[in-house]
Every structure is written in structure tokens, then in C-alpha cells.
N, C-alpha and C. Protein backbone atom coordinates (compact mmCIF):
# COMPACT_ATOMS: atom_id res chain seq x y z
N MET A 1 158.79 -70.00 113.14
CA MET A 1 158.56 -69.60 111.76
C MET A 1 157.11 -69.13 111.62
N TYR A 2 156.94 -67.99 111.03
CA TYR A 2 155.61 -67.45 110.79
C TYR A 2 154.94 -68.15 109.62
N ALA A 3 153.61 -68.14 109.60
CA ALA A 3 152.87 -68.78 108.52
C ALA A 3 153.29 -68.24 107.17
N GLU A 4 153.59 -66.94 107.10
CA GLU A 4 153.99 -66.32 105.84
C GLU A 4 155.33 -66.84 105.33
N GLU A 5 156.10 -67.47 106.22
CA GLU A 5 157.42 -67.96 105.83
C GLU A 5 157.41 -69.45 105.47
N ARG A 6 156.29 -70.11 105.65
CA ARG A 6 156.22 -71.54 105.34
C ARG A 6 156.16 -71.71 103.83
N PRO A 7 156.69 -72.83 103.34
CA PRO A 7 156.83 -73.00 101.89
C PRO A 7 155.63 -72.62 101.03
N PRO A 8 154.43 -73.13 101.24
CA PRO A 8 153.35 -72.82 100.29
C PRO A 8 152.93 -71.35 100.25
N THR A 9 153.28 -70.57 101.26
CA THR A 9 152.85 -69.17 101.27
C THR A 9 153.94 -68.21 100.80
N ARG A 10 155.09 -68.74 100.46
CA ARG A 10 156.18 -67.88 100.01
C ARG A 10 156.00 -67.48 98.55
N VAL A 11 156.49 -66.31 98.21
CA VAL A 11 156.33 -65.75 96.86
C VAL A 11 156.87 -66.69 95.78
N GLU A 12 158.00 -67.33 96.05
CA GLU A 12 158.60 -68.19 95.02
C GLU A 12 157.74 -69.42 94.71
N PHE A 13 156.73 -69.68 95.51
CA PHE A 13 155.84 -70.81 95.26
C PHE A 13 154.68 -70.44 94.34
N ASN A 14 154.55 -69.15 94.00
CA ASN A 14 153.45 -68.72 93.13
C ASN A 14 153.43 -69.46 91.80
N LYS A 15 154.61 -69.66 91.20
CA LYS A 15 154.63 -70.35 89.90
C LYS A 15 154.23 -71.82 90.05
N ILE A 16 154.45 -72.38 91.21
CA ILE A 16 154.07 -73.77 91.45
C ILE A 16 152.56 -73.88 91.67
N LEU A 17 152.03 -72.94 92.43
CA LEU A 17 150.61 -72.98 92.77
C LEU A 17 149.73 -72.30 91.73
N ALA A 18 150.33 -71.72 90.71
CA ALA A 18 149.55 -71.05 89.67
C ALA A 18 148.54 -72.01 89.06
N GLU A 19 147.47 -71.46 88.55
CA GLU A 19 146.42 -72.25 87.92
C GLU A 19 145.85 -73.29 88.90
N HIS A 20 145.76 -72.92 90.15
CA HIS A 20 145.20 -73.77 91.20
C HIS A 20 145.94 -75.10 91.34
N GLY A 21 147.23 -75.07 91.15
CA GLY A 21 148.03 -76.28 91.30
C GLY A 21 147.95 -77.22 90.12
N THR A 22 147.47 -76.73 88.98
CA THR A 22 147.37 -77.58 87.79
C THR A 22 148.35 -77.17 86.70
N SER A 23 149.31 -76.32 87.05
CA SER A 23 150.30 -75.87 86.06
C SER A 23 151.21 -77.04 85.67
N GLU A 24 151.95 -76.86 84.59
CA GLU A 24 152.90 -77.90 84.16
C GLU A 24 153.94 -78.16 85.25
N VAL A 25 154.33 -77.12 85.96
CA VAL A 25 155.30 -77.26 87.05
C VAL A 25 154.71 -78.14 88.15
N ALA A 26 153.48 -77.86 88.56
CA ALA A 26 152.84 -78.64 89.61
C ALA A 26 152.66 -80.10 89.21
N ILE A 27 152.24 -80.31 87.98
CA ILE A 27 152.06 -81.68 87.49
C ILE A 27 153.39 -82.42 87.45
N GLY A 28 154.45 -81.72 87.01
CA GLY A 28 155.77 -82.33 87.00
C GLY A 28 156.25 -82.70 88.39
N ILE A 29 155.92 -81.88 89.37
CA ILE A 29 156.28 -82.18 90.77
C ILE A 29 155.54 -83.43 91.23
N LEU A 30 154.24 -83.47 91.00
CA LEU A 30 153.44 -84.62 91.43
C LEU A 30 153.86 -85.91 90.74
N GLU A 31 154.19 -85.81 89.45
CA GLU A 31 154.58 -87.00 88.68
C GLU A 31 156.02 -87.42 88.97
N GLY A 32 156.78 -86.54 89.61
CA GLY A 32 158.18 -86.85 89.91
C GLY A 32 159.09 -86.68 88.71
N THR A 33 158.62 -85.96 87.68
CA THR A 33 159.43 -85.75 86.48
C THR A 33 160.18 -84.42 86.51
N LEU A 34 159.91 -83.59 87.49
CA LEU A 34 160.57 -82.29 87.60
C LEU A 34 161.51 -82.32 88.80
N ASP A 35 162.74 -81.95 88.56
CA ASP A 35 163.73 -81.90 89.63
C ASP A 35 163.51 -80.61 90.43
N PRO A 36 163.13 -80.71 91.70
CA PRO A 36 162.85 -79.50 92.50
C PRO A 36 164.03 -78.55 92.63
N SER A 37 165.24 -79.08 92.49
CA SER A 37 166.42 -78.20 92.63
C SER A 37 166.54 -77.22 91.46
N THR A 38 165.78 -77.42 90.39
CA THR A 38 165.83 -76.51 89.24
C THR A 38 164.90 -75.31 89.41
N LEU A 39 164.15 -75.26 90.52
CA LEU A 39 163.18 -74.19 90.72
C LEU A 39 163.75 -72.96 91.41
N GLY A 40 165.02 -73.01 91.79
CA GLY A 40 165.65 -71.85 92.42
C GLY A 40 165.19 -71.62 93.85
N LEU A 41 164.87 -72.69 94.55
CA LEU A 41 164.40 -72.59 95.94
C LEU A 41 165.52 -72.96 96.90
N ASP A 42 165.36 -72.59 98.16
CA ASP A 42 166.37 -72.96 99.14
C ASP A 42 166.27 -74.46 99.46
N GLU A 43 167.24 -74.96 100.18
CA GLU A 43 167.36 -76.40 100.46
C GLU A 43 166.11 -76.98 101.13
N ASN A 44 165.56 -76.27 102.11
CA ASN A 44 164.37 -76.77 102.80
C ASN A 44 163.16 -76.83 101.87
N ALA A 45 163.01 -75.83 101.02
CA ALA A 45 161.89 -75.82 100.08
C ALA A 45 162.05 -76.94 99.06
N VAL A 46 163.27 -77.21 98.62
CA VAL A 46 163.52 -78.30 97.67
C VAL A 46 163.13 -79.63 98.30
N LYS A 47 163.48 -79.83 99.57
CA LYS A 47 163.09 -81.06 100.27
C LYS A 47 161.57 -81.16 100.38
N PHE A 48 160.94 -80.05 100.70
CA PHE A 48 159.48 -80.01 100.82
C PHE A 48 158.84 -80.41 99.50
N ILE A 49 159.28 -79.78 98.41
CA ILE A 49 158.73 -80.06 97.08
C ILE A 49 159.00 -81.51 96.68
N GLY A 50 160.19 -81.99 96.97
CA GLY A 50 160.53 -83.38 96.64
C GLY A 50 159.60 -84.38 97.31
N GLY A 51 159.13 -84.05 98.49
CA GLY A 51 158.23 -84.93 99.23
C GLY A 51 156.82 -84.96 98.68
N LEU A 52 156.51 -84.07 97.74
CA LEU A 52 155.16 -84.02 97.17
C LEU A 52 154.96 -84.98 96.01
N ALA A 53 156.05 -85.52 95.48
CA ALA A 53 155.94 -86.44 94.35
C ALA A 53 155.16 -87.69 94.77
N ARG A 54 154.23 -88.09 93.91
CA ARG A 54 153.43 -89.28 94.20
C ARG A 54 154.30 -90.53 94.08
N ARG A 55 154.05 -91.47 94.99
CA ARG A 55 154.72 -92.76 94.93
C ARG A 55 154.16 -93.57 93.76
N GLN A 56 154.85 -94.61 93.36
CA GLN A 56 154.41 -95.44 92.24
C GLN A 56 153.01 -96.00 92.47
N ASP A 57 152.70 -96.39 93.70
CA ASP A 57 151.37 -96.97 93.98
C ASP A 57 150.27 -95.91 93.98
N GLU A 58 150.64 -94.63 94.03
CA GLU A 58 149.66 -93.55 94.00
C GLU A 58 149.38 -93.04 92.58
N LYS A 59 150.31 -93.24 91.67
CA LYS A 59 150.19 -92.67 90.33
C LYS A 59 148.94 -93.12 89.57
N PRO A 60 148.53 -94.38 89.68
CA PRO A 60 147.33 -94.78 88.91
C PRO A 60 146.01 -94.28 89.51
N LEU A 61 146.06 -93.67 90.68
CA LEU A 61 144.84 -93.21 91.32
C LEU A 61 144.25 -92.03 90.56
N THR A 62 142.96 -92.00 90.46
CA THR A 62 142.27 -90.90 89.79
C THR A 62 141.29 -90.26 90.75
N THR A 63 140.81 -89.10 90.40
CA THR A 63 139.79 -88.44 91.20
C THR A 63 138.47 -89.17 90.99
N PRO A 64 137.78 -89.53 92.07
CA PRO A 64 136.51 -90.23 91.90
C PRO A 64 135.48 -89.37 91.17
N ARG A 65 134.61 -90.03 90.45
CA ARG A 65 133.58 -89.31 89.73
C ARG A 65 132.53 -88.79 90.71
N GLN A 66 131.70 -87.91 90.23
CA GLN A 66 130.65 -87.33 91.06
C GLN A 66 129.50 -88.31 91.25
N MET A 67 128.97 -88.35 92.44
CA MET A 67 127.79 -89.17 92.72
C MET A 67 126.59 -88.55 92.01
N SER A 68 125.79 -89.37 91.35
CA SER A 68 124.62 -88.85 90.65
C SER A 68 123.47 -88.66 91.64
N THR A 69 122.49 -87.89 91.22
CA THR A 69 121.29 -87.68 92.04
C THR A 69 120.60 -89.01 92.32
N ALA A 70 120.49 -89.83 91.29
CA ALA A 70 119.84 -91.14 91.45
C ALA A 70 120.61 -92.04 92.42
N GLU A 71 121.95 -92.00 92.36
CA GLU A 71 122.76 -92.80 93.29
C GLU A 71 122.57 -92.32 94.72
N PHE A 72 122.51 -91.01 94.91
CA PHE A 72 122.29 -90.46 96.25
C PHE A 72 120.93 -90.93 96.77
N GLN A 73 119.90 -90.80 95.94
CA GLN A 73 118.56 -91.20 96.36
C GLN A 73 118.50 -92.70 96.66
N ALA A 74 119.15 -93.50 95.85
CA ALA A 74 119.16 -94.96 96.06
C ALA A 74 119.88 -95.32 97.36
N ALA A 75 121.00 -94.64 97.63
CA ALA A 75 121.76 -94.92 98.85
C ALA A 75 120.95 -94.58 100.09
N MET A 76 120.22 -93.48 100.04
CA MET A 76 119.42 -93.08 101.19
C MET A 76 118.20 -94.00 101.35
N LYS A 77 117.70 -94.50 100.25
CA LYS A 77 116.52 -95.37 100.29
C LYS A 77 116.82 -96.69 101.00
N VAL A 78 118.01 -97.24 100.78
CA VAL A 78 118.33 -98.55 101.37
C VAL A 78 118.89 -98.44 102.79
N THR A 79 119.19 -97.24 103.25
CA THR A 79 119.73 -97.06 104.60
C THR A 79 118.59 -97.03 105.60
N HIS A 80 118.73 -97.82 106.66
CA HIS A 80 117.70 -97.85 107.69
C HIS A 80 117.65 -96.51 108.40
N GLU A 81 116.45 -96.02 108.66
CA GLU A 81 116.25 -94.68 109.19
C GLU A 81 116.93 -94.42 110.53
N ASP A 82 117.02 -95.42 111.40
CA ASP A 82 117.62 -95.17 112.71
C ASP A 82 119.13 -95.40 112.73
N THR A 83 119.75 -95.54 111.55
CA THR A 83 121.20 -95.63 111.46
C THR A 83 121.81 -94.29 111.86
N SER A 84 122.82 -94.34 112.71
CA SER A 84 123.47 -93.11 113.14
C SER A 84 124.33 -92.56 112.00
N SER A 85 124.21 -91.27 111.75
CA SER A 85 125.00 -90.65 110.68
C SER A 85 126.16 -89.82 111.21
N SER A 86 126.32 -89.76 112.52
CA SER A 86 127.42 -88.98 113.09
C SER A 86 127.66 -89.40 114.53
N ALA A 87 128.75 -88.92 115.08
CA ALA A 87 129.10 -89.23 116.47
C ALA A 87 128.09 -88.62 117.45
N SER A 88 127.35 -87.62 116.99
CA SER A 88 126.38 -86.96 117.86
C SER A 88 125.12 -87.82 118.05
N GLY A 89 125.01 -88.89 117.27
CA GLY A 89 123.86 -89.77 117.41
C GLY A 89 122.69 -89.40 116.51
N LEU A 90 122.86 -88.38 115.67
CA LEU A 90 121.80 -88.04 114.74
C LEU A 90 121.57 -89.23 113.81
N HIS A 91 120.35 -89.37 113.33
CA HIS A 91 120.05 -90.50 112.47
C HIS A 91 119.69 -90.03 111.07
N TYR A 92 119.36 -90.98 110.20
CA TYR A 92 119.19 -90.70 108.78
C TYR A 92 117.82 -90.15 108.39
N THR A 93 116.96 -89.81 109.33
CA THR A 93 115.65 -89.29 108.97
C THR A 93 115.76 -88.08 108.06
N LEU A 94 116.63 -87.15 108.40
CA LEU A 94 116.81 -85.95 107.58
C LEU A 94 117.30 -86.31 106.18
N TRP A 95 118.29 -87.18 106.09
CA TRP A 95 118.85 -87.57 104.79
C TRP A 95 117.79 -88.26 103.94
N LYS A 96 117.00 -89.09 104.56
CA LYS A 96 115.95 -89.79 103.82
C LYS A 96 114.90 -88.80 103.32
N ALA A 97 114.60 -87.78 104.12
CA ALA A 97 113.65 -86.76 103.69
C ALA A 97 114.22 -85.94 102.53
N VAL A 98 115.49 -85.60 102.60
CA VAL A 98 116.13 -84.87 101.52
C VAL A 98 116.08 -85.69 100.23
N ALA A 99 116.29 -87.00 100.34
CA ALA A 99 116.32 -87.87 99.17
C ALA A 99 114.97 -87.95 98.46
N GLU A 100 113.92 -87.54 99.10
CA GLU A 100 112.60 -87.54 98.47
C GLU A 100 112.44 -86.42 97.45
N ASP A 101 113.28 -85.40 97.54
CA ASP A 101 113.18 -84.25 96.65
C ASP A 101 114.35 -84.27 95.66
N LYS A 102 114.05 -84.22 94.36
CA LYS A 102 115.09 -84.32 93.33
C LYS A 102 116.08 -83.16 93.41
N ASP A 103 115.60 -81.93 93.58
CA ASP A 103 116.50 -80.78 93.62
C ASP A 103 117.43 -80.83 94.82
N LEU A 104 116.88 -81.14 95.99
CA LEU A 104 117.72 -81.25 97.19
C LEU A 104 118.71 -82.41 97.06
N SER A 105 118.26 -83.50 96.46
CA SER A 105 119.14 -84.65 96.26
C SER A 105 120.30 -84.30 95.34
N GLU A 106 120.02 -83.51 94.31
CA GLU A 106 121.07 -83.11 93.39
C GLU A 106 122.14 -82.28 94.12
N ILE A 107 121.70 -81.36 94.96
CA ILE A 107 122.63 -80.53 95.73
C ILE A 107 123.47 -81.40 96.66
N HIS A 108 122.83 -82.31 97.36
CA HIS A 108 123.56 -83.17 98.30
C HIS A 108 124.49 -84.13 97.58
N ALA A 109 124.10 -84.61 96.40
CA ALA A 109 124.98 -85.48 95.62
C ALA A 109 126.25 -84.76 95.23
N ILE A 110 126.12 -83.48 94.86
CA ILE A 110 127.29 -82.67 94.53
C ILE A 110 128.16 -82.48 95.77
N MET A 111 127.55 -82.10 96.88
CA MET A 111 128.31 -81.83 98.10
C MET A 111 129.02 -83.08 98.61
N ILE A 112 128.36 -84.21 98.52
CA ILE A 112 128.96 -85.45 99.03
C ILE A 112 130.11 -85.91 98.15
N SER A 113 130.15 -85.42 96.91
CA SER A 113 131.19 -85.80 95.97
C SER A 113 132.45 -84.95 96.08
N LEU A 114 132.38 -83.83 96.79
CA LEU A 114 133.54 -82.95 96.91
C LEU A 114 134.63 -83.61 97.74
N PRO A 115 135.84 -83.64 97.24
CA PRO A 115 136.94 -84.23 98.03
C PRO A 115 137.32 -83.30 99.18
N PHE A 116 137.62 -83.87 100.29
CA PHE A 116 138.09 -83.08 101.44
C PHE A 116 139.04 -83.88 102.27
């Protein structure tokens, strides 16, 4: 199967993915209140969509708030400088230096808050 034929890239998924996945259809799918068989999709796509509904234990979860500049600076301040920050063995000297500058800290606080 080519990438263009996989469910999220098919034309009939446009109404689901509209508004960056925040449409009423998408929310209904996630909440489990929308029956995927009503979307006019083939059997495999209906199964795929059905699997996207959040489980009961996932429903109360919310998106975490953004880390503030002050929180970023405080976190870097209490971290020991020779603590490894990656598998490559780099340490926190760079992060601690960034935390000394308010503008750089603000940028890093935003970046560290992005979900991935």
C-alpha cells in the first residue's frame, strides 16, 4: 500500500482532519460519540477511525500548560552542571547559560512545552 492510500492521507479523511483535527467530527471520534460507520468510509477505514476513540482512563487527560520562563530558569538553576542531558554525554552547562538570559529562557520554555 502506498502512503497516499493510507487512511489519514486519503481524500475522504479531509473532513475529519479539517481545522487541524479540531472539527466537531474529529472531537466526536476522540470522545467516542461519533459512529465511524456513518462517515461513508470503507471497512478498514472505519476500523482505523474506531481505534482512535479515547479510552475512559484517557478522557480526563488534558494538554499540559506551558512552562513559564521563571519555571525554566528555576529548573536549570537547581540542576547540577555536570548532569548529563543526553545519551551523547553532553551536560547542562549550555542550559544553565541559556537560563541566565530572560529572552533565551522564554524561547526555551516555549520549545520545551511543545508536545511531541
